[in-house]
Amino acid sequence: MDFLSGGDLRYHLCKRLRFSEKEIKFIVANILLALQYIHKNHIIHRDLKPENLVFDSKGYLHLTDFGIAHEYHPGDDIIDSSGTPGYMSPEVILKHPHTFSADFFSLGVIVYELMLGRRPYNGKSRKELKEQILAKEVKLKQKQLPKQWSDINIIDFVNRLLKRKAEERLGSNGIEEVMNHPWLKDIDWKHIEVMTEPSPFSFDSQDNFDEYYANKKEDEQYEKEKEYYLNIVNKNRYFRYYYYNSNEAKKDSTTR
């Protein structure tokens, strides 16, 4: 088993809240190459989410945790509702038969979250999420794009991944349909596959874990984690010359 020292994507998402277009494209490329490999081997991951995506020391992302993955062959009827509600496709959460396309819906949720700092459906329970999904299909709008984003093809990319009907979803005809989307036209797949493409990410070897949210249930802790890391950012910004113990704040003269 490889040692992945960069921390999982949830950790970095909670600290940063949003990522740049270049960074998200690199993340998506890493995820798609991982999905391409497992799908070719007849495996649906079924729990694609930031906690299960972990960076190595080179800044490349790896797909982990196959605890509820399922072997799939044409004609199989997989109807159990497994996964993390905030990232589950409609067909999974409704306990309808599902295929590889379920992983692509989860990818759409992740891209949406990396762009906007929130998920498209934010119900606090499986029931709330089901009601939201049934009530309205989320669509990314151009006015929601961060100002620095240059390629509006991302709108079509995300909206087609988030299609409620699996047969209409981007990737329903195979993963190549996703990889060949115009938003990913400048991706050098070969160099990323062999890890020779420079990653836009670099991490301090100690900046990869926080026991505050380790092993917590994602849907119960999402808002608390975000608030927690926002507080950290503010402390680092306004109190960078101080450190804290349980009783009082003391001036740290060594950091001047």
C-alpha atoms as a PDB file:
ATOM      1  CA  MET A   1       0.000   0.000   0.000  1.00  0.00           C
ATOM      2  CA  ASP A   2       1.377   3.403  -1.003  1.00  0.00           C
ATOM      3  CA  PHE A   3       1.929   6.090   1.624  1.00  0.00           C
ATOM      4  CA  LEU A   4      -0.122   9.174   0.705  1.00  0.00           C
ATOM      5  CA  SER A   5       1.198  12.091   2.713  1.00  0.00           C
ATOM      6  CA  GLY A   6      -0.704  15.030   1.221  1.00  0.00           C
ATOM      7  CA  GLY A   7      -3.949  14.652   3.161  1.00  0.00           C
ATOM      8  CA  ASP A   8      -7.421  14.028   1.807  1.00  0.00           C
ATOM      9  CA  LEU A   9      -9.365  16.470  -0.336  1.00  0.00           C
ATOM     10  CA  ARG A  10     -11.922  17.120   2.436  1.00  0.00           C
ATOM     11  CA  TYR A  11      -9.173  18.424   4.710  1.00  0.00           C
ATOM     12  CA  HIS A  12      -7.943  20.894   2.088  1.00  0.00           C
ATOM     13  CA  LEU A  13     -11.468  21.815   1.016  1.00  0.00           C
ATOM     14  CA  CYS A  14     -12.403  22.702   4.586  1.00  0.00           C
ATOM     15  CA  LYS A  15      -9.317  24.902   4.876  1.00  0.00           C
ATOM     16  CA  ARG A  16      -9.635  26.628   1.507  1.00  0.00           C
ATOM     17  CA  LEU A  17     -13.360  26.355   0.674  1.00  0.00           C
ATOM     18  CA  ARG A  18     -12.743  26.914  -3.055  1.00  0.00           C
ATOM     19  CA  PHE A  19     -10.204  25.973  -5.715  1.00  0.00           C
ATOM     20  CA  SER A  20      -9.045  27.595  -8.951  1.00  0.00           C
ATOM     21  CA  GLU A  21     -10.062  26.433 -12.421  1.00  0.00           C
ATOM     22  CA  LYS A  22      -6.593  25.008 -13.074  1.00  0.00           C
ATOM     23  CA  GLU A  23      -6.599  23.117  -9.788  1.00  0.00           C
ATOM     24  CA  ILE A  24     -10.072  21.678 -10.342  1.00  0.00           C
ATOM     25  CA  LYS A  25      -9.195  20.497 -13.840  1.00  0.00           C
ATOM     26  CA  PHE A  26      -6.187  18.671 -12.435  1.00  0.00           C
ATOM     27  CA  ILE A  27      -8.309  17.104  -9.688  1.00  0.00           C
ATOM     28  CA  VAL A  28     -10.956  16.022 -12.205  1.00  0.00           C
ATOM     29  CA  ALA A  29      -8.316  14.515 -14.494  1.00  0.00           C
ATOM     30  CA  ASN A  30      -6.893  12.489 -11.597  1.00  0.00           C
ATOM     31  CA  ILE A  31     -10.351  11.248 -10.616  1.00  0.00           C
ATOM     32  CA  LEU A  32     -11.331  10.336 -14.166  1.00  0.00           C
ATOM     33  CA  LEU A  33      -8.173   8.300 -14.741  1.00  0.00           C
ATOM     34  CA  ALA A  34      -8.888   6.395 -11.526  1.00  0.00           C
ATOM     35  CA  LEU A  35     -12.509   5.817 -12.542  1.00  0.00           C
ATOM     36  CA  GLN A  36     -11.446   4.766 -16.025  1.00  0.00           C
ATOM     37  CA  TYR A  37      -9.260   2.051 -14.534  1.00  0.00           C
ATOM     38  CA  ILE A  38     -11.820   0.662 -12.091  1.00  0.00           C
ATOM     39  CA  HIS A  39     -14.717   0.874 -14.564  1.00  0.00           C
ATOM     40  CA  LYS A  40     -12.706  -1.090 -17.108  1.00  0.00           C
ATOM     41  CA  ASN A  41     -12.351  -3.692 -14.384  1.00  0.00           C
ATOM     42  CA  HIS A  42     -16.144  -3.717 -13.851  1.00  0.00           C
ATOM     43  CA  ILE A  43     -16.043  -1.853 -10.517  1.00  0.00           C
ATOM     44  CA  ILE A  44     -18.429   0.945  -9.485  1.00  0.00           C
ATOM     45  CA  HIS A  45     -16.898   2.872  -6.593  1.00  0.00           C
ATOM     46  CA  ARG A  46     -20.227   4.169  -5.224  1.00  0.00           C
ATOM     47  CA  ASP A  47     -18.674   6.369  -2.523  1.00  0.00           C
ATOM     48  CA  LEU A  48     -16.808   9.024  -4.466  1.00  0.00           C
ATOM     49  CA  LYS A  49     -16.356  12.007  -2.127  1.00  0.00           C
ATOM     50  CA  PRO A  50     -13.546  14.308  -0.916  1.00  0.00           C
ATOM     51  CA  GLU A  51     -12.723  12.077   2.083  1.00  0.00           C
ATOM     52  CA  ASN A  52     -11.866   9.203  -0.263  1.00  0.00           C
ATOM     53  CA  LEU A  53      -9.564  11.249  -2.471  1.00  0.00           C
ATOM     54  CA  VAL A  54      -6.058  11.548  -1.015  1.00  0.00           C
ATOM     55  CA  PHE A  55      -3.012  13.483  -2.244  1.00  0.00           C
ATOM     56  CA  ASP A  56       0.451  11.975  -2.439  1.00  0.00           C
ATOM     57  CA  SER A  57       3.679  13.900  -1.857  1.00  0.00           C
ATOM     58  CA  LYS A  58       3.782  14.962  -5.547  1.00  0.00           C
ATOM     59  CA  GLY A  59       0.347  16.563  -5.378  1.00  0.00           C
ATOM     60  CA  TYR A  60      -1.431  13.795  -7.285  1.00  0.00           C
ATOM     61  CA  LEU A  61      -4.821  12.577  -6.122  1.00  0.00           C
ATOM     62  CA  HIS A  62      -5.608   8.910  -5.448  1.00  0.00           C
ATOM     63  CA  LEU A  63      -8.964   7.172  -5.081  1.00  0.00           C
ATOM     64  CA  THR A  64      -9.302   5.174  -1.845  1.00  0.00           C
ATOM     65  CA  ASP A  65     -11.840   3.230   0.252  1.00  0.00           C
ATOM     66  CA  PHE A  66     -13.531   0.539  -1.816  1.00  0.00           C
ATOM     67  CA  GLY A  67     -15.584  -0.696   1.139  1.00  0.00           C
ATOM     68  CA  ILE A  68     -18.928  -0.410  -0.675  1.00  0.00           C
ATOM     69  CA  ALA A  69     -17.649  -0.741  -4.238  1.00  0.00           C
ATOM     70  CA  HIS A  70     -19.571  -3.208  -6.374  1.00  0.00           C
ATOM     71  CA  GLU A  71     -18.607  -5.442  -9.264  1.00  0.00           C
ATOM     72  CA  TYR A  72     -20.946  -4.731 -12.145  1.00  0.00           C
ATOM     73  CA  HIS A  73     -21.691  -6.519 -15.410  1.00  0.00           C
ATOM     74  CA  PRO A  74     -24.373  -5.611 -17.974  1.00  0.00           C
ATOM     75  CA  GLY A  75     -27.688  -6.978 -16.834  1.00  0.00           C
ATOM     76  CA  ASP A  76     -26.914  -6.792 -13.131  1.00  0.00           C
ATOM     77  CA  ASP A  77     -29.521  -5.107 -10.942  1.00  0.00           C
ATOM     78  CA  ILE A  78     -27.753  -3.203  -8.167  1.00  0.00           C
ATOM     79  CA  ILE A  79     -30.485  -1.603  -6.078  1.00  0.00           C
ATOM     80  CA  ASP A  80     -29.063  -1.159  -2.565  1.00  0.00           C
ATOM     81  CA  SER A  81     -28.691   2.424  -1.382  1.00  0.00           C
ATOM     82  CA  SER A  82     -25.056   2.679  -0.355  1.00  0.00           C
ATOM     83  CA  GLY A  83     -22.786   5.695  -0.108  1.00  0.00           C
ATOM     84  CA  THR A  84     -22.700   9.154   1.441  1.00  0.00           C
ATOM     85  CA  PRO A  85     -26.062  10.919   0.924  1.00  0.00           C
ATOM     86  CA  GLY A  86     -24.625  14.277  -0.154  1.00  0.00           C
ATOM     87  CA  TYR A  87     -22.798  12.620  -3.058  1.00  0.00           C
ATOM     88  CA  MET A  88     -25.197   9.815  -3.977  1.00  0.00           C
ATOM     89  CA  SER A  89     -26.840   9.863  -7.385  1.00  0.00           C
ATOM     90  CA  PRO A  90     -30.649  10.038  -7.539  1.00  0.00           C
ATOM     91  CA  GLU A  91     -30.939   6.448  -8.719  1.00  0.00           C
ATOM     92  CA  VAL A  92     -28.864   5.243  -5.772  1.00  0.00           C
ATOM     93  CA  ILE A  93     -30.655   7.275  -3.114  1.00  0.00           C
ATOM     94  CA  LEU A  94     -34.004   6.109  -4.543  1.00  0.00           C
ATOM     95  CA  LYS A  95     -32.818   2.479  -4.573  1.00  0.00           C
ATOM     96  CA  HIS A  96     -33.199   2.154  -8.326  1.00  0.00           C
ATOM     97  CA  PRO A  97     -30.850  -0.008 -10.426  1.00  0.00           C
ATOM     98  CA  HIS A  98     -27.589   1.819 -11.063  1.00  0.00           C
ATOM     99  CA  THR A  99     -24.400   1.466 -13.093  1.00  0.00           C
ATOM    100  CA  PHE A 100     -21.098   3.305 -13.586  1.00  0.00           C
ATOM    101  CA  SER A 101     -23.030   6.520 -14.230  1.00  0.00           C
ATOM    102  CA  ALA A 102     -23.622   6.837 -10.475  1.00  0.00           C
ATOM    103  CA  ASP A 103     -19.933   7.687 -10.032  1.00  0.00           C
ATOM    104  CA  PHE A 104     -20.231  10.516 -12.556  1.00  0.00           C
ATOM    105  CA  PHE A 105     -23.020  12.187 -10.599  1.00  0.00           C
ATOM    106  CA  SER A 106     -20.753  12.124  -7.532  1.00  0.00           C
ATOM    107  CA  LEU A 107     -18.011  13.715  -9.624  1.00  0.00           C
ATOM    108  CA  GLY A 108     -20.414  16.503 -10.591  1.00  0.00           C
ATOM    109  CA  VAL A 109     -21.170  17.170  -6.928  1.00  0.00           C
ATOM    110  CA  ILE A 110     -17.454  17.363  -6.126  1.00  0.00           C
ATOM    111  CA  VAL A 111     -16.723  19.806  -8.972  1.00  0.00           C
ATOM    112  CA  TYR A 112     -19.670  21.988  -7.935  1.00  0.00           C
ATOM    113  CA  GLU A 113     -18.409  21.985  -4.347  1.00  0.00           C
ATOM    114  CA  LEU A 114     -14.820  22.807  -5.283  1.00  0.00           C
ATOM    115  CA  MET A 115     -16.027  25.758  -7.366  1.00  0.00           C
ATOM    116  CA  LEU A 116     -18.614  27.273  -5.050  1.00  0.00           C
ATOM    117  CA  GLY A 117     -17.697  26.005  -1.595  1.00  0.00           C
ATOM    118  CA  ARG A 118     -20.999  24.173  -1.130  1.00  0.00           C
ATOM    119  CA  ARG A 119     -22.771  21.124  -2.480  1.00  0.00           C
ATOM    120  CA  PRO A 120     -25.707  21.402  -4.920  1.00  0.00           C
ATOM    121  CA  TYR A 121     -27.988  19.550  -2.496  1.00  0.00           C
ATOM    122  CA  ASN A 122     -27.458  20.260   1.201  1.00  0.00           C
ATOM    123  CA  GLY A 123     -30.157  18.363   3.048  1.00  0.00           C
ATOM    124  CA  LYS A 124     -29.134  17.266   6.545  1.00  0.00           C
ATOM    125  CA  SER A 125     -30.685  13.831   6.175  1.00  0.00           C
ATOM    126  CA  ARG A 126     -31.220  11.264   3.446  1.00  0.00           C
ATOM    127  CA  LYS A 127     -34.923  12.150   3.442  1.00  0.00           C
ATOM    128  CA  GLU A 128     -34.233  15.874   2.947  1.00  0.00           C
ATOM    129  CA  LEU A 129     -31.772  15.151   0.152  1.00  0.00           C
ATOM    130  CA  LYS A 130     -34.250  12.871  -1.578  1.00  0.00           C
ATOM    131  CA  GLU A 131     -36.922  15.563  -1.399  1.00  0.00           C
ATOM    132  CA  GLN A 132     -34.556  18.205  -2.787  1.00  0.00           C
ATOM    133  CA  ILE A 133     -33.429  15.997  -5.661  1.00  0.00           C
ATOM    134  CA  LEU A 134     -37.013  15.078  -6.563  1.00  0.00           C
ATOM    135  CA  ALA A 135     -38.186  18.682  -6.306  1.00  0.00           C
ATOM    136  CA  LYS A 136     -35.669  20.299  -8.633  1.00  0.00           C
ATOM    137  CA  GLU A 137     -32.680  19.474 -10.792  1.00  0.00           C
ATOM    138  CA  VAL A 138     -29.803  21.773  -9.848  1.00  0.00           C
ATOM    139  CA  LYS A 139     -28.271  23.733 -12.704  1.00  0.00           C
ATOM    140  CA  LEU A 140     -25.117  25.789 -12.544  1.00  0.00           C
ATOM    141  CA  LYS A 141     -25.626  29.269 -14.001  1.00  0.00           C
ATOM    142  CA  GLN A 142     -23.062  31.497 -15.676  1.00  0.00           C
ATOM    143  CA  LYS A 143     -23.549  34.236 -13.076  1.00  0.00           C
ATOM    144  CA  GLN A 144     -22.365  31.754 -10.410  1.00  0.00           C
ATOM    145  CA  LEU A 145     -18.949  31.322 -12.037  1.00  0.00           C
ATOM    146  CA  PRO A 146     -16.026  32.895 -10.168  1.00  0.00           C
ATOM    147  CA  LYS A 147     -14.916  36.009 -12.055  1.00  0.00           C
ATOM    148  CA  GLN A 148     -11.482  34.618 -12.878  1.00  0.00           C
ATOM    149  CA  TRP A 149     -12.881  31.564 -14.674  1.00  0.00           C
ATOM    150  CA  SER A 150     -12.280  31.752 -18.413  1.00  0.00           C
ATOM    151  CA  ASP A 151     -13.956  28.667 -19.900  1.00  0.00           C
ATOM    152  CA  ILE A 152     -17.749  28.628 -19.725  1.00  0.00           C
ATOM    153  CA  ASN A 153     -17.756  25.007 -20.907  1.00  0.00           C
ATOM    154  CA  ILE A 154     -17.599  24.170 -17.197  1.00  0.00           C
ATOM    155  CA  ILE A 155     -21.318  25.020 -16.973  1.00  0.00           C
ATOM    156  CA  ASP A 156     -22.284  22.322 -19.478  1.00  0.00           C
ATOM    157  CA  PHE A 157     -19.809  19.905 -17.894  1.00  0.00           C
ATOM    158  CA  VAL A 158     -21.254  20.216 -14.390  1.00  0.00           C
ATOM    159  CA  ASN A 159     -24.903  20.394 -15.436  1.00  0.00           C
ATOM    160  CA  ARG A 160     -24.655  17.257 -17.539  1.00  0.00           C
ATOM    161  CA  LEU A 161     -22.936  15.359 -14.728  1.00  0.00           C
ATOM    162  CA  LEU A 162     -25.736  16.390 -12.359  1.00  0.00           C
ATOM    163  CA  LYS A 163     -28.554  15.137 -14.569  1.00  0.00           C
ATOM    164  CA  ARG A 164     -31.116  13.340 -12.449  1.00  0.00           C
ATOM    165  CA  LYS A 165     -31.831  10.753 -15.133  1.00  0.00           C
ATOM    166  CA  ALA A 166     -28.830   8.443 -15.443  1.00  0.00           C
ATOM    167  CA  GLU A 167     -29.426   7.833 -19.151  1.00  0.00           C
ATOM    168  CA  GLU A 168     -29.129  11.590 -19.828  1.00  0.00           C
ATOM    169  CA  ARG A 169     -26.022  12.056 -17.707  1.00  0.00           C
ATOM    170  CA  LEU A 170     -22.602  12.831 -19.144  1.00  0.00           C
ATOM    171  CA  GLY A 171     -20.754   9.519 -19.113  1.00  0.00           C
ATOM    172  CA  SER A 172     -23.837   7.365 -19.629  1.00  0.00           C
ATOM    173  CA  ASN A 173     -22.248   6.221 -22.897  1.00  0.00           C
ATOM    174  CA  GLY A 174     -18.870   5.537 -21.280  1.00  0.00           C
ATOM    175  CA  ILE A 175     -16.199   7.472 -19.446  1.00  0.00           C
ATOM    176  CA  GLU A 176     -14.608   8.647 -22.701  1.00  0.00           C
ATOM    177  CA  GLU A 177     -17.665  10.872 -23.120  1.00  0.00           C
ATOM    178  CA  VAL A 178     -16.610  12.716 -19.948  1.00  0.00           C
ATOM    179  CA  MET A 179     -12.908  12.803 -20.774  1.00  0.00           C
ATOM    180  CA  ASN A 180     -13.583  14.186 -24.254  1.00  0.00           C
ATOM    181  CA  HIS A 181     -15.778  17.031 -23.029  1.00  0.00           C
ATOM    182  CA  PRO A 182     -14.674  20.469 -24.369  1.00  0.00           C
ATOM    183  CA  TRP A 183     -13.891  21.721 -20.846  1.00  0.00           C
ATOM    184  CA  LEU A 184     -11.130  19.116 -20.599  1.00  0.00           C
ATOM    185  CA  LYS A 185      -9.743  19.646 -24.105  1.00  0.00           C
ATOM    186  CA  ASP A 186      -6.387  20.953 -22.842  1.00  0.00           C
ATOM    187  CA  ILE A 187      -5.725  18.035 -20.455  1.00  0.00           C
ATOM    188  CA  ASP A 188      -2.589  16.031 -21.226  1.00  0.00           C
ATOM    189  CA  TRP A 189      -3.945  12.643 -20.187  1.00  0.00           C
ATOM    190  CA  LYS A 190      -0.776  10.693 -20.917  1.00  0.00           C
ATOM    191  CA  HIS A 191       1.470  12.888 -18.801  1.00  0.00           C
ATOM    192  CA  ILE A 192      -0.984  12.921 -15.902  1.00  0.00           C
ATOM    193  CA  GLU A 193      -1.378   9.147 -16.099  1.00  0.00           C
ATOM    194  CA  VAL A 194       2.373   8.621 -15.721  1.00  0.00           C
ATOM    195  CA  MET A 195       2.630  11.516 -13.234  1.00  0.00           C
ATOM    196  CA  THR A 196       5.031  13.661 -15.237  1.00  0.00           C
ATOM    197  CA  GLU A 197       2.677  16.637 -15.446  1.00  0.00           C
ATOM    198  CA  PRO A 198       3.589  19.167 -12.728  1.00  0.00           C
ATOM    199  CA  SER A 199       0.829  19.276 -10.132  1.00  0.00           C
ATOM    200  CA  PRO A 200      -0.606  22.663  -9.122  1.00  0.00           C
ATOM    201  CA  PHE A 201      -0.545  21.405  -5.519  1.00  0.00           C
ATOM    202  CA  SER A 202       2.319  21.254  -3.049  1.00  0.00           C
ATOM    203  CA  PHE A 203       1.946  20.528   0.646  1.00  0.00           C
ATOM    204  CA  ASP A 204       3.888  20.880   3.846  1.00  0.00           C
ATOM    205  CA  SER A 205       4.524  17.328   5.014  1.00  0.00           C
ATOM    206  CA  GLN A 206       2.807  18.163   8.313  1.00  0.00           C
ATOM    207  CA  ASP A 207      -0.186  19.842   6.695  1.00  0.00           C
ATOM    208  CA  ASN A 208      -2.293  16.791   5.999  1.00  0.00           C
ATOM    209  CA  PHE A 209      -4.441  15.885   8.977  1.00  0.00           C
ATOM    210  CA  ASP A 210      -6.584  17.359  11.723  1.00  0.00           C
ATOM    211  CA  GLU A 211      -7.989  15.129  14.439  1.00  0.00           C
ATOM    212  CA  TYR A 212     -10.935  17.517  14.833  1.00  0.00           C
ATOM    213  CA  TYR A 213     -12.881  15.871  12.048  1.00  0.00           C
ATOM    214  CA  ALA A 214     -11.117  12.551  11.489  1.00  0.00           C
ATOM    215  CA  ASN A 215     -13.620   9.700  11.196  1.00  0.00           C
ATOM    216  CA  LYS A 216     -16.607  12.008  11.747  1.00  0.00           C
ATOM    217  CA  LYS A 217     -19.786  11.454   9.739  1.00  0.00           C
ATOM    218  CA  GLU A 218     -19.488  13.808   6.797  1.00  0.00           C
ATOM    219  CA  ASP A 219     -23.096  14.932   6.563  1.00  0.00           C
ATOM    220  CA  GLU A 220     -23.357  15.695  10.270  1.00  0.00           C
ATOM    221  CA  GLN A 221     -20.078  17.591  10.471  1.00  0.00           C
ATOM    222  CA  TYR A 222     -19.960  19.512   7.177  1.00  0.00           C
ATOM    223  CA  GLU A 223     -21.099  22.901   8.485  1.00  0.00           C
ATOM    224  CA  LYS A 224     -19.169  22.592  11.752  1.00  0.00           C
ATOM    225  CA  GLU A 225     -15.979  21.768   9.886  1.00  0.00           C
ATOM    226  CA  LYS A 226     -16.368  24.722   7.550  1.00  0.00           C
ATOM    227  CA  GLU A 227     -16.918  27.088  10.480  1.00  0.00           C
ATOM    228  CA  TYR A 228     -13.979  25.543  12.325  1.00  0.00           C
ATOM    229  CA  TYR A 229     -11.548  26.094   9.460  1.00  0.00           C
ATOM    230  CA  LEU A 230     -12.813  29.598   8.804  1.00  0.00           C
ATOM    231  CA  ASN A 231     -11.934  30.367  12.426  1.00  0.00           C
ATOM    232  CA  ILE A 232      -8.458  28.917  11.853  1.00  0.00           C
ATOM    233  CA  VAL A 233      -7.978  31.106   8.775  1.00  0.00           C
ATOM    234  CA  ASN A 234      -9.019  34.181  10.734  1.00  0.00           C
ATOM    235  CA  LYS A 235      -6.740  33.320  13.655  1.00  0.00           C
ATOM    236  CA  ASN A 236      -3.816  32.812  11.301  1.00  0.00           C
ATOM    237  CA  ARG A 237      -4.565  36.125   9.641  1.00  0.00           C
ATOM    238  CA  TYR A 238      -5.079  38.293  12.715  1.00  0.00           C
ATOM    239  CA  PHE A 239      -3.073  36.494  15.383  1.00  0.00           C
ATOM    240  CA  ARG A 240      -0.123  35.136  13.449  1.00  0.00           C
ATOM    241  CA  TYR A 241       2.381  36.430  16.035  1.00  0.00           C
ATOM    242  CA  TYR A 242       0.649  34.651  18.929  1.00  0.00           C
ATOM    243  CA  TYR A 243       0.130  31.132  20.083  1.00  0.00           C
ATOM    244  CA  TYR A 244      -2.510  29.829  22.453  1.00  0.00           C
ATOM    245  CA  ASN A 245      -2.715  27.434  25.348  1.00  0.00           C
ATOM    246  CA  SER A 246      -5.800  26.373  27.281  1.00  0.00           C
ATOM    247  CA  ASN A 247      -5.501  29.236  29.769  1.00  0.00           C
ATOM    248  CA  GLU A 248      -4.257  32.329  27.994  1.00  0.00           C
ATOM    249  CA  ALA A 249      -2.688  33.756  24.886  1.00  0.00           C
ATOM    250  CA  LYS A 250       1.017  34.476  25.118  1.00  0.00           C
ATOM    251  CA  LYS A 251       3.168  36.578  22.900  1.00  0.00           C
ATOM    252  CA  ASP A 252       5.422  34.437  20.752  1.00  0.00           C
ATOM    253  CA  SER A 253       8.552  36.487  20.366  1.00  0.00           C
ATOM    254  CA  THR A 254      10.263  33.839  18.266  1.00  0.00           C
ATOM    255  CA  THR A 255       7.983  34.458  15.307  1.00  0.00           C
ATOM    256  CA  ARG A 256       8.853  38.122  14.920  1.00  0.00           C
END
